Amino acid sequence: AKAMKLVSARVNEKRREEEARERGDARNSLMGGGNRSERIRTYNYPQDRITDHRCKHSEHGIVKLFEGGVDGVLSGLVGTFAPSMRRMYRDEMLQQLEEEEQEEKGKGKGKK
């Protein structure tokens, strides 16, 4: 009886450790670690340059981009980076669809 309690306690401890590790991994993937590599955009004032790291696009003229204002949003910051972001999103979606199509083809071959 004492041995069973000991084994049960060890199994429960391993299970709790595994669950805690999974929760930690999930939290880290959602929040990120705050590394410089996780940046979205860099504003380099000495070089008068803005770089969006998600779409790897740089533009010069920080003041000009910020002065796009409410009426001139399309000529400002959003309008500058939006086309690159749309292209990146489209490419990612196409890649995902191609991968799903390949998986379905692979499953179809396994059934025959």
Protein backbone atom coordinates (compact mmCIF):
# COMPACT_ATOMS: atom_id res chain seq x y z
CA ALA A 1 0.00 0.00 0.00
CA LYS A 2 2.84 2.37 0.86
CA ALA A 3 4.59 1.60 -2.45
CA MET A 4 1.39 2.32 -4.41
CA LYS A 5 1.04 5.71 -2.67
CA LEU A 6 4.66 6.50 -3.53
CA VAL A 7 4.22 5.53 -7.20
CA SER A 8 0.91 7.42 -7.40
CA ALA A 9 2.53 10.54 -5.90
CA ARG A 10 5.39 10.39 -8.42
CA VAL A 11 3.01 9.95 -11.36
CA ASN A 12 0.89 12.89 -10.18
CA GLU A 13 3.99 15.03 -9.72
CA LYS A 14 5.20 14.25 -13.27
CA ARG A 15 1.75 15.03 -14.66
CA ARG A 16 1.64 18.40 -12.84
CA GLU A 17 5.15 19.27 -14.05
CA GLU A 18 4.18 18.42 -17.65
CA GLU A 19 1.00 20.53 -17.43
CA ALA A 20 2.95 23.46 -15.96
CA ARG A 21 5.55 23.19 -18.73
CA GLU A 22 2.82 23.13 -21.41
CA ARG A 23 1.12 26.20 -19.87
CA GLY A 24 4.47 28.00 -19.74
CA ASP A 25 5.22 27.14 -23.37
CA ALA A 26 1.77 28.37 -24.44
CA ARG A 27 2.18 31.60 -22.48
CA ASN A 28 5.63 32.23 -23.97
CA SER A 29 4.40 31.62 -27.50
CA LEU A 30 1.55 34.11 -27.02
CA MET A 31 3.47 36.83 -25.20
CA GLY A 32 6.93 36.46 -26.63
CA GLY A 33 10.08 37.08 -24.72
CA GLY A 34 10.55 40.75 -25.51
CA ASN A 35 13.62 40.10 -27.63
CA ARG A 36 14.79 42.65 -30.15
CA SER A 37 14.08 40.10 -32.88
CA GLU A 38 10.36 40.28 -32.04
CA ARG A 39 10.06 43.93 -32.99
CA ILE A 40 7.28 45.05 -35.28
CA ARG A 41 8.59 48.41 -36.36
CA THR A 42 11.74 50.49 -35.81
CA TYR A 43 11.75 54.29 -35.91
CA ASN A 44 15.30 55.41 -36.65
CA TYR A 45 15.24 59.19 -36.25
CA PRO A 46 18.93 59.91 -36.99
CA GLN A 47 18.55 58.16 -40.36
CA ASP A 48 14.97 59.47 -40.88
CA ARG A 49 13.81 55.89 -41.54
CA ILE A 50 10.96 53.60 -40.45
CA THR A 51 11.33 49.84 -40.93
CA ASP A 52 8.47 47.38 -40.57
CA HIS A 53 10.15 44.10 -39.64
CA ARG A 54 7.10 41.94 -40.38
CA CYS A 55 7.14 42.73 -44.10
CA LYS A 56 10.82 43.78 -44.25
CA HIS A 57 10.00 47.17 -45.76
CA SER A 58 11.74 50.49 -45.00
CA GLU A 59 10.68 54.03 -45.79
CA HIS A 60 12.46 57.35 -45.33
CA GLY A 61 10.77 60.52 -44.14
CA ILE A 62 9.41 59.88 -40.64
CA VAL A 63 7.76 63.29 -40.31
CA LYS A 64 6.13 62.98 -43.74
CA LEU A 65 4.72 59.56 -42.83
CA PHE A 66 3.38 60.72 -39.47
CA GLU A 67 1.82 63.82 -41.01
CA GLY A 68 -0.44 61.66 -43.15
CA GLY A 69 -3.03 62.59 -40.51
CA VAL A 70 -6.59 61.35 -40.29
CA ASP A 71 -7.56 62.57 -43.75
CA GLY A 72 -4.32 61.50 -45.38
CA VAL A 73 -3.96 58.08 -43.72
CA LEU A 74 -3.56 56.35 -47.05
CA SER A 75 -0.61 58.54 -47.89
CA GLY A 76 0.83 58.22 -44.38
CA LEU A 77 2.16 55.37 -42.29
CA VAL A 78 -0.69 52.90 -42.84
CA GLY A 79 -0.81 53.47 -46.57
CA THR A 80 2.92 52.99 -46.85
CA PHE A 81 3.13 49.62 -45.11
CA ALA A 82 -0.35 48.20 -45.85
CA PRO A 83 0.43 46.96 -49.40
CA SER A 84 3.49 45.08 -48.16
CA MET A 85 1.51 43.59 -45.28
CA ARG A 86 -1.29 42.52 -47.65
CA ARG A 87 1.24 40.81 -49.95
CA MET A 88 2.84 39.04 -47.00
CA TYR A 89 -0.57 37.91 -45.68
CA ARG A 90 -1.63 36.69 -49.14
CA ASP A 91 1.60 34.73 -49.57
CA GLU A 92 1.19 33.12 -46.14
CA MET A 93 -2.40 32.13 -46.91
CA LEU A 94 -1.41 30.65 -50.29
CA GLN A 95 1.35 28.65 -48.64
CA GLN A 96 -1.07 27.38 -45.99
CA LEU A 97 -3.59 26.34 -48.66
CA GLU A 98 -0.89 24.54 -50.64
CA GLU A 99 0.23 22.67 -47.51
CA GLU A 100 -3.35 21.66 -46.72
CA GLU A 101 -3.82 20.49 -50.31
CA GLN A 102 -0.65 18.39 -50.08
CA GLU A 103 -1.88 16.84 -46.81
CA GLU A 104 -5.22 15.95 -48.40
CA LYS A 105 -3.46 14.36 -51.39
CA GLY A 106 -1.31 12.36 -48.98
CA LYS A 107 -4.38 11.13 -47.10
CA GLY A 108 -6.10 10.18 -50.36
CA LYS A 109 -3.17 7.99 -51.39
CA GLY A 110 -3.22 6.18 -48.04
CA LYS A 111 -6.87 5.12 -48.48
CA LYS A 112 -6.35 3.39 -51.85
